[in-house]
Amino acid sequence: MQAFTIRQLKSNPSTVIRAAEADAMAVVTNRDQPTALVVALDRLGVADTAAVRSGLALTLIQSGSISTAAAARIAGLELPRFLELLSSLKIPLTSSDPADTSSDLEAARRWLGLDAAPANA
């Protein structure tokens, strides 16, 4: 496992990612203290990385950190299947960013074959 400073992470994040992918993880330090751990999900050694990705996506969407479409991509699921998963888990479709919400609704309408125009139009 390699260690990188925050400055190194900022200036060349791909180097940190490559190191994590090669060694399963990399440490980011701030003033010689470990601050973050960059983990290569595919190298975690868990049998079902798809479940890890889905759990991460669900956590991020519940916290309002990302849009529904972004969460679906993280989970590796098509948007309709991800929407079904959210529904089955009773996770509301909310977003703090109106642009994200609008984008999610437009994508959902396209997937459902509906007109992309707003419902109140």
Protein backbone atom coordinates (compact mmCIF):
# COMPACT_ATOMS: atom_id res chain seq x y z
CA MET A 1 0.00 0.00 0.00
CA GLN A 2 1.29 3.42 -0.96
CA ALA A 3 0.77 6.72 0.84
CA PHE A 4 0.05 10.04 -0.87
CA THR A 5 -0.28 13.56 0.46
CA ILE A 6 -3.41 15.59 -0.13
CA ARG A 7 -1.34 17.77 -2.46
CA GLN A 8 -0.42 14.71 -4.54
CA LEU A 9 -4.07 13.66 -4.63
CA LYS A 10 -5.14 17.11 -5.83
CA SER A 11 -2.45 17.42 -8.46
CA ASN A 12 -2.70 13.89 -9.90
CA PRO A 13 -5.69 11.89 -8.67
CA SER A 14 -5.26 9.23 -11.36
CA THR A 15 -1.92 8.22 -9.80
CA VAL A 16 -3.64 7.57 -6.48
CA ILE A 17 -6.42 5.60 -8.17
CA ARG A 18 -3.91 3.48 -10.10
CA ALA A 19 -1.99 2.77 -6.89
CA ALA A 20 -5.21 1.72 -5.16
CA GLU A 21 -6.12 -0.54 -8.07
CA ALA A 22 -2.67 -2.12 -8.03
CA ASP A 23 -2.44 -2.66 -4.25
CA ALA A 24 -6.17 -2.77 -3.36
CA MET A 25 -5.90 0.54 -1.46
CA ALA A 26 -3.89 3.71 -0.98
CA VAL A 27 -3.64 6.04 2.00
CA VAL A 28 -3.99 9.81 1.76
CA THR A 29 -2.24 11.80 4.46
CA ASN A 30 -2.57 15.32 5.74
CA ARG A 31 0.43 16.61 7.68
CA ASP A 32 1.75 13.07 8.02
CA GLN A 33 -1.52 11.81 9.50
CA PRO A 34 -3.74 9.31 7.65
CA THR A 35 -6.84 11.15 6.47
CA ALA A 36 -8.48 8.94 3.88
CA LEU A 37 -8.29 5.49 2.42
CA VAL A 38 -8.81 5.00 -1.31
CA VAL A 39 -10.05 1.47 -1.88
CA ALA A 40 -10.29 -0.38 -5.17
CA LEU A 41 -13.76 -1.92 -4.94
CA ASP A 42 -12.89 -4.78 -7.26
CA ARG A 43 -9.94 -5.73 -5.05
CA LEU A 44 -11.78 -5.78 -1.72
CA GLY A 45 -11.90 -9.56 -1.68
CA VAL A 46 -15.66 -9.68 -1.23
CA ALA A 47 -17.54 -12.24 -3.26
CA ASP A 48 -20.22 -9.83 -4.46
CA THR A 49 -18.81 -6.44 -5.47
CA ALA A 50 -22.13 -5.70 -7.21
CA ALA A 51 -23.77 -5.68 -3.77
CA VAL A 52 -21.09 -3.30 -2.47
CA ARG A 53 -21.68 -0.96 -5.43
CA SER A 54 -25.46 -1.10 -4.92
CA GLY A 55 -25.10 -0.40 -1.20
CA LEU A 56 -22.83 2.54 -1.92
CA ALA A 57 -25.27 3.90 -4.50
CA LEU A 58 -28.21 3.54 -2.12
CA THR A 59 -26.33 5.28 0.68
CA LEU A 60 -25.30 8.16 -1.58
CA ILE A 61 -28.82 8.68 -2.92
CA GLN A 62 -30.36 8.56 0.57
CA SER A 63 -27.92 11.21 1.74
CA GLY A 64 -28.82 13.40 -1.24
CA SER A 65 -25.21 13.40 -2.42
CA ILE A 66 -25.92 12.27 -6.00
CA SER A 67 -28.74 12.08 -8.49
CA THR A 68 -30.80 8.97 -9.14
CA ALA A 69 -29.20 8.53 -12.56
CA ALA A 70 -25.70 8.77 -11.07
CA ALA A 71 -26.62 6.25 -8.37
CA ALA A 72 -27.93 3.84 -11.01
CA ARG A 73 -24.61 4.08 -12.86
CA ILE A 74 -22.67 3.40 -9.64
CA ALA A 75 -24.88 0.39 -8.93
CA GLY A 76 -24.34 -0.85 -12.48
CA LEU A 77 -28.07 -0.98 -13.11
CA GLU A 78 -30.26 0.44 -15.85
CA LEU A 79 -32.31 3.35 -14.52
CA PRO A 80 -35.68 1.50 -14.62
CA ARG A 81 -34.25 -1.42 -12.62
CA PHE A 82 -32.67 0.99 -10.12
CA LEU A 83 -35.99 2.82 -9.74
CA GLU A 84 -37.65 -0.54 -9.03
CA LEU A 85 -35.01 -1.24 -6.38
CA LEU A 86 -35.60 2.13 -4.73
CA SER A 87 -39.34 1.52 -4.78
CA SER A 88 -39.01 -1.97 -3.29
CA LEU A 89 -36.88 -0.55 -0.48
CA LYS A 90 -39.30 2.37 -0.01
CA ILE A 91 -36.53 4.90 -0.64
CA PRO A 92 -38.05 8.19 -1.84
CA LEU A 93 -36.84 9.86 -4.99
CA THR A 94 -35.67 13.18 -3.67
CA SER A 95 -32.94 15.53 -4.65
CA SER A 96 -31.85 18.82 -3.17
CA ASP A 97 -30.95 20.08 -6.65
CA PRO A 98 -33.95 20.90 -8.89
CA ALA A 99 -31.79 20.39 -12.00
CA ASP A 100 -30.97 16.83 -10.86
CA THR A 101 -34.62 16.11 -10.16
CA SER A 102 -35.63 17.45 -13.56
CA SER A 103 -32.90 15.40 -15.25
CA ASP A 104 -33.96 12.25 -13.39
CA LEU A 105 -37.61 12.75 -14.36
CA GLU A 106 -36.68 13.31 -17.99
CA ALA A 107 -34.55 10.15 -18.04
CA ALA A 108 -37.33 8.14 -16.39
CA ARG A 109 -39.86 9.39 -18.94
CA ARG A 110 -37.54 8.43 -21.80
CA TRP A 111 -37.09 4.94 -20.34
CA LEU A 112 -40.84 4.57 -19.95
CA GLY A 113 -41.41 5.81 -23.51
CA LEU A 114 -43.37 8.83 -22.31
CA ASP A 115 -43.16 12.36 -23.59
CA ALA A 116 -40.29 14.21 -21.91
CA ALA A 117 -42.47 17.29 -21.42
CA PRO A 118 -43.27 18.23 -17.82
CA ALA A 119 -46.41 16.57 -16.43
CA ASN A 120 -48.09 19.91 -15.70
CA ALA A 121 -47.60 21.22 -19.25
